[in-house]
Amino acid sequence: MENILLLVHPALGGLATLTALWVFVDTLNVREETLSRIKNVSLLCALLMWLTYFLGGYWYLVYYAADKAIIKAGPWAFGHGFFMETKEHVFLMLILLATFLPIVASNNLAVDKGARKLALWVSGLIVPISLSMEGSGAVISIAVKVGLLFKGLGG
């Protein structure tokens, strides 16, 4: 189960990132014909982000304690001390932005310039924050592997 979560969690996060990028690009080129697609894709973004949150939270509660101990005992302790701690707090902003995106997208973005600008900002912020979450997860995974290697070498 742990291995499946370690694959599904970042995959859903990556898909959520792509949907936010899709909303951004569609909003740049918004027309009356694309409004329903923007609304649907923004809802998908929020759904994927919440699924990512719940699966990652489950993994964190059930499995992360062992990984945390390995990371903190190894040479890449910053994997937890900086990256996981940052990820735990920054992701809350990300989940709020993803939840807000379909609310903003429910406006007529083809006519309402203020709502369009807000949709661009919200979707545009989701993308780099999501990518930083993906990168942080990669560092954390490597920190576990380095910790196991260090332990195996008698460190």
C-alpha atoms as a PDB file:
ATOM      1  CA  MET A   1       0.000   0.000   0.000  1.00  0.00           C
ATOM      2  CA  GLU A   2       2.822   2.395   0.864  1.00  0.00           C
ATOM      3  CA  ASN A   3       4.406   2.023  -2.585  1.00  0.00           C
ATOM      4  CA  ILE A   4       1.090   2.686  -4.319  1.00  0.00           C
ATOM      5  CA  LEU A   5       0.583   5.846  -2.252  1.00  0.00           C
ATOM      6  CA  LEU A   6       4.111   6.985  -3.077  1.00  0.00           C
ATOM      7  CA  LEU A   7       3.180   6.762  -6.752  1.00  0.00           C
ATOM      8  CA  VAL A   8      -0.412   8.009  -6.700  1.00  0.00           C
ATOM      9  CA  HIS A   9       0.156  10.991  -4.377  1.00  0.00           C
ATOM     10  CA  PRO A  10       2.686  12.829  -6.594  1.00  0.00           C
ATOM     11  CA  ALA A  11       0.941  11.692  -9.792  1.00  0.00           C
ATOM     12  CA  LEU A  12      -2.299  13.330  -8.670  1.00  0.00           C
ATOM     13  CA  GLY A  13      -0.356  16.425  -7.624  1.00  0.00           C
ATOM     14  CA  GLY A  14       1.281  16.551 -11.051  1.00  0.00           C
ATOM     15  CA  LEU A  15      -2.114  16.216 -12.749  1.00  0.00           C
ATOM     16  CA  ALA A  16      -3.493  18.990 -10.542  1.00  0.00           C
ATOM     17  CA  THR A  17      -0.573  21.166 -11.632  1.00  0.00           C
ATOM     18  CA  LEU A  18      -1.317  20.472 -15.289  1.00  0.00           C
ATOM     19  CA  THR A  19      -4.993  21.317 -14.835  1.00  0.00           C
ATOM     20  CA  ALA A  20      -4.045  24.640 -13.217  1.00  0.00           C
ATOM     21  CA  LEU A  21      -1.779  25.356 -16.178  1.00  0.00           C
ATOM     22  CA  TRP A  22      -4.648  24.422 -18.508  1.00  0.00           C
ATOM     23  CA  VAL A  23      -6.942  26.888 -16.714  1.00  0.00           C
ATOM     24  CA  PHE A  24      -4.247  29.558 -16.979  1.00  0.00           C
ATOM     25  CA  VAL A  25      -3.792  29.092 -20.739  1.00  0.00           C
ATOM     26  CA  ASP A  26      -7.535  28.860 -21.408  1.00  0.00           C
ATOM     27  CA  THR A  27      -8.087  31.999 -19.335  1.00  0.00           C
ATOM     28  CA  LEU A  28      -5.467  33.864 -21.360  1.00  0.00           C
ATOM     29  CA  ASN A  29      -7.456  32.991 -24.478  1.00  0.00           C
ATOM     30  CA  VAL A  30     -10.929  33.040 -22.942  1.00  0.00           C
ATOM     31  CA  ARG A  31     -13.998  33.138 -25.154  1.00  0.00           C
ATOM     32  CA  GLU A  32     -17.641  32.432 -24.441  1.00  0.00           C
ATOM     33  CA  GLU A  33     -17.132  28.933 -25.899  1.00  0.00           C
ATOM     34  CA  THR A  34     -14.334  28.082 -23.427  1.00  0.00           C
ATOM     35  CA  LEU A  35     -16.055  29.222 -20.222  1.00  0.00           C
ATOM     36  CA  SER A  36     -17.592  25.835 -19.396  1.00  0.00           C
ATOM     37  CA  ARG A  37     -14.274  24.075 -20.017  1.00  0.00           C
ATOM     38  CA  ILE A  38     -12.479  26.517 -17.709  1.00  0.00           C
ATOM     39  CA  LYS A  39     -15.083  25.876 -15.007  1.00  0.00           C
ATOM     40  CA  ASN A  40     -14.855  22.088 -15.411  1.00  0.00           C
ATOM     41  CA  VAL A  41     -11.048  21.984 -15.470  1.00  0.00           C
ATOM     42  CA  SER A  42     -10.835  24.294 -12.444  1.00  0.00           C
ATOM     43  CA  LEU A  43     -13.157  21.904 -10.571  1.00  0.00           C
ATOM     44  CA  LEU A  44     -10.941  19.015 -11.645  1.00  0.00           C
ATOM     45  CA  CYS A  45      -7.908  20.921 -10.347  1.00  0.00           C
ATOM     46  CA  ALA A  46      -9.548  21.361  -6.949  1.00  0.00           C
ATOM     47  CA  LEU A  47     -10.640  17.705  -6.828  1.00  0.00           C
ATOM     48  CA  LEU A  48      -7.180  16.436  -7.748  1.00  0.00           C
ATOM     49  CA  MET A  49      -5.541  18.739  -5.211  1.00  0.00           C
ATOM     50  CA  TRP A  50      -7.858  17.546  -2.430  1.00  0.00           C
ATOM     51  CA  LEU A  51      -7.221  13.900  -3.371  1.00  0.00           C
ATOM     52  CA  THR A  52      -3.492  14.628  -3.275  1.00  0.00           C
ATOM     53  CA  TYR A  53      -3.940  16.208   0.153  1.00  0.00           C
ATOM     54  CA  PHE A  54      -5.912  13.298   1.607  1.00  0.00           C
ATOM     55  CA  LEU A  55      -3.652  10.579   0.197  1.00  0.00           C
ATOM     56  CA  GLY A  56      -0.521  12.440   1.266  1.00  0.00           C
ATOM     57  CA  GLY A  57      -2.014  13.070   4.691  1.00  0.00           C
ATOM     58  CA  TYR A  58      -2.875   9.393   5.093  1.00  0.00           C
ATOM     59  CA  TRP A  59       0.639   8.396   4.077  1.00  0.00           C
ATOM     60  CA  TYR A  60       2.095  10.983   6.454  1.00  0.00           C
ATOM     61  CA  LEU A  61       0.044   9.744   9.419  1.00  0.00           C
ATOM     62  CA  VAL A  62       0.529   6.033   8.778  1.00  0.00           C
ATOM     63  CA  TYR A  63       3.984   5.645   7.226  1.00  0.00           C
ATOM     64  CA  TYR A  64       6.078   8.793   7.571  1.00  0.00           C
ATOM     65  CA  ALA A  65       7.244   8.283  11.178  1.00  0.00           C
ATOM     66  CA  ALA A  66       9.661   5.541  10.114  1.00  0.00           C
ATOM     67  CA  ASP A  67      10.937   7.587   7.169  1.00  0.00           C
ATOM     68  CA  LYS A  68      11.315  10.653   9.379  1.00  0.00           C
ATOM     69  CA  ALA A  69      13.506   8.714  11.808  1.00  0.00           C
ATOM     70  CA  ILE A  70      15.693   7.483   8.939  1.00  0.00           C
ATOM     71  CA  ILE A  71      15.984  10.967   7.452  1.00  0.00           C
ATOM     72  CA  LYS A  72      16.836  12.637  10.767  1.00  0.00           C
ATOM     73  CA  ALA A  73      19.496  10.007  11.559  1.00  0.00           C
ATOM     74  CA  GLY A  74      21.116  10.336   8.139  1.00  0.00           C
ATOM     75  CA  PRO A  75      23.286  12.942   6.448  1.00  0.00           C
ATOM     76  CA  TRP A  76      20.304  14.537   4.675  1.00  0.00           C
ATOM     77  CA  ALA A  77      18.412  15.548   7.817  1.00  0.00           C
ATOM     78  CA  PHE A  78      17.483  18.773   6.027  1.00  0.00           C
ATOM     79  CA  GLY A  79      15.147  16.585   3.946  1.00  0.00           C
ATOM     80  CA  HIS A  80      12.799  16.643   6.892  1.00  0.00           C
ATOM     81  CA  GLY A  81      14.014  19.735   8.748  1.00  0.00           C
ATOM     82  CA  PHE A  82      13.519  22.065   5.810  1.00  0.00           C
ATOM     83  CA  PHE A  83      11.675  20.361   2.953  1.00  0.00           C
ATOM     84  CA  MET A  84       9.000  18.413   4.812  1.00  0.00           C
ATOM     85  CA  GLU A  85       8.402  21.184   7.316  1.00  0.00           C
ATOM     86  CA  THR A  86       8.055  23.700   4.484  1.00  0.00           C
ATOM     87  CA  LYS A  87       5.854  21.339   2.487  1.00  0.00           C
ATOM     88  CA  GLU A  88       3.510  20.847   5.441  1.00  0.00           C
ATOM     89  CA  HIS A  89       2.853  24.580   5.680  1.00  0.00           C
ATOM     90  CA  VAL A  90       3.037  25.776   2.078  1.00  0.00           C
ATOM     91  CA  PHE A  91       0.651  23.070   0.888  1.00  0.00           C
ATOM     92  CA  LEU A  92      -2.102  24.671   2.948  1.00  0.00           C
ATOM     93  CA  MET A  93      -1.833  27.756   0.723  1.00  0.00           C
ATOM     94  CA  LEU A  94      -1.969  25.526  -2.304  1.00  0.00           C
ATOM     95  CA  ILE A  95      -5.139  23.742  -1.194  1.00  0.00           C
ATOM     96  CA  LEU A  96      -6.788  27.109  -0.521  1.00  0.00           C
ATOM     97  CA  LEU A  97      -5.825  28.419  -3.960  1.00  0.00           C
ATOM     98  CA  ALA A  98      -7.067  25.249  -5.672  1.00  0.00           C
ATOM     99  CA  THR A  99     -10.350  25.469  -3.764  1.00  0.00           C
ATOM    100  CA  PHE A 100     -10.734  29.130  -4.700  1.00  0.00           C
ATOM    101  CA  LEU A 101     -10.040  28.511  -8.396  1.00  0.00           C
ATOM    102  CA  PRO A 102     -13.477  27.082  -9.322  1.00  0.00           C
ATOM    103  CA  ILE A 103     -15.133  29.878  -7.346  1.00  0.00           C
ATOM    104  CA  VAL A 104     -13.295  32.456  -9.457  1.00  0.00           C
ATOM    105  CA  ALA A 105     -13.934  30.467 -12.638  1.00  0.00           C
ATOM    106  CA  SER A 106     -17.672  30.526 -12.007  1.00  0.00           C
ATOM    107  CA  ASN A 107     -17.637  34.168 -13.158  1.00  0.00           C
ATOM    108  CA  ASN A 108     -17.943  35.112 -16.796  1.00  0.00           C
ATOM    109  CA  LEU A 109     -14.212  35.472 -17.431  1.00  0.00           C
ATOM    110  CA  ALA A 110     -14.815  36.551 -21.028  1.00  0.00           C
ATOM    111  CA  VAL A 111     -16.529  39.737 -19.804  1.00  0.00           C
ATOM    112  CA  ASP A 112     -15.326  40.333 -16.240  1.00  0.00           C
ATOM    113  CA  LYS A 113     -11.713  41.534 -16.527  1.00  0.00           C
ATOM    114  CA  GLY A 114     -11.204  41.596 -12.755  1.00  0.00           C
ATOM    115  CA  ALA A 115     -12.319  37.975 -12.394  1.00  0.00           C
ATOM    116  CA  ARG A 116     -10.160  37.007 -15.377  1.00  0.00           C
ATOM    117  CA  LYS A 117      -7.112  38.648 -13.806  1.00  0.00           C
ATOM    118  CA  LEU A 118      -7.844  36.887 -10.509  1.00  0.00           C
ATOM    119  CA  ALA A 119      -8.222  33.525 -12.287  1.00  0.00           C
ATOM    120  CA  LEU A 120      -4.863  34.094 -13.962  1.00  0.00           C
ATOM    121  CA  TRP A 121      -3.213  34.928 -10.636  1.00  0.00           C
ATOM    122  CA  VAL A 122      -4.758  31.992  -8.781  1.00  0.00           C
ATOM    123  CA  SER A 123      -4.020  29.403 -11.474  1.00  0.00           C
ATOM    124  CA  GLY A 124      -0.633  30.998 -12.122  1.00  0.00           C
ATOM    125  CA  LEU A 125       0.343  30.720  -8.456  1.00  0.00           C
ATOM    126  CA  ILE A 126      -0.793  27.104  -8.227  1.00  0.00           C
ATOM    127  CA  VAL A 127       1.679  25.982 -10.883  1.00  0.00           C
ATOM    128  CA  PRO A 128       5.021  27.051  -9.304  1.00  0.00           C
ATOM    129  CA  ILE A 129       3.868  26.204  -5.786  1.00  0.00           C
ATOM    130  CA  SER A 130       2.812  22.737  -6.967  1.00  0.00           C
ATOM    131  CA  LEU A 131       6.126  22.253  -8.728  1.00  0.00           C
ATOM    132  CA  SER A 132       7.956  23.202  -5.538  1.00  0.00           C
ATOM    133  CA  MET A 133       5.876  20.595  -3.677  1.00  0.00           C
ATOM    134  CA  GLU A 134       6.858  17.962  -6.251  1.00  0.00           C
ATOM    135  CA  GLY A 135      10.510  18.913  -5.921  1.00  0.00           C
ATOM    136  CA  SER A 136      10.333  18.874  -2.135  1.00  0.00           C
ATOM    137  CA  GLY A 137       8.803  15.411  -2.245  1.00  0.00           C
ATOM    138  CA  ALA A 138      11.673  14.250  -4.433  1.00  0.00           C
ATOM    139  CA  VAL A 139      14.237  15.598  -1.951  1.00  0.00           C
ATOM    140  CA  ILE A 140      12.409  13.882   0.913  1.00  0.00           C
ATOM    141  CA  SER A 141      12.378  10.561  -0.966  1.00  0.00           C
ATOM    142  CA  ILE A 142      16.080  10.856  -1.719  1.00  0.00           C
ATOM    143  CA  ALA A 143      16.774  11.765   1.924  1.00  0.00           C
ATOM    144  CA  VAL A 144      15.195   8.450   2.974  1.00  0.00           C
ATOM    145  CA  LYS A 145      17.334   6.537   0.475  1.00  0.00           C
ATOM    146  CA  VAL A 146      20.502   8.367   1.537  1.00  0.00           C
ATOM    147  CA  GLY A 147      19.615   7.675   5.188  1.00  0.00           C
ATOM    148  CA  LEU A 148      19.162   3.959   4.470  1.00  0.00           C
ATOM    149  CA  LEU A 149      22.442   3.862   2.565  1.00  0.00           C
ATOM    150  CA  PHE A 150      24.213   5.716   5.369  1.00  0.00           C
ATOM    151  CA  LYS A 151      22.762   3.279   7.932  1.00  0.00           C
ATOM    152  CA  GLY A 152      23.753   0.302   5.765  1.00  0.00           C
ATOM    153  CA  LEU A 153      27.319   1.577   5.597  1.00  0.00           C
ATOM    154  CA  GLY A 154      27.509   1.735   9.373  1.00  0.00           C
ATOM    155  CA  GLY A 155      26.952   5.493   9.619  1.00  0.00           C
END
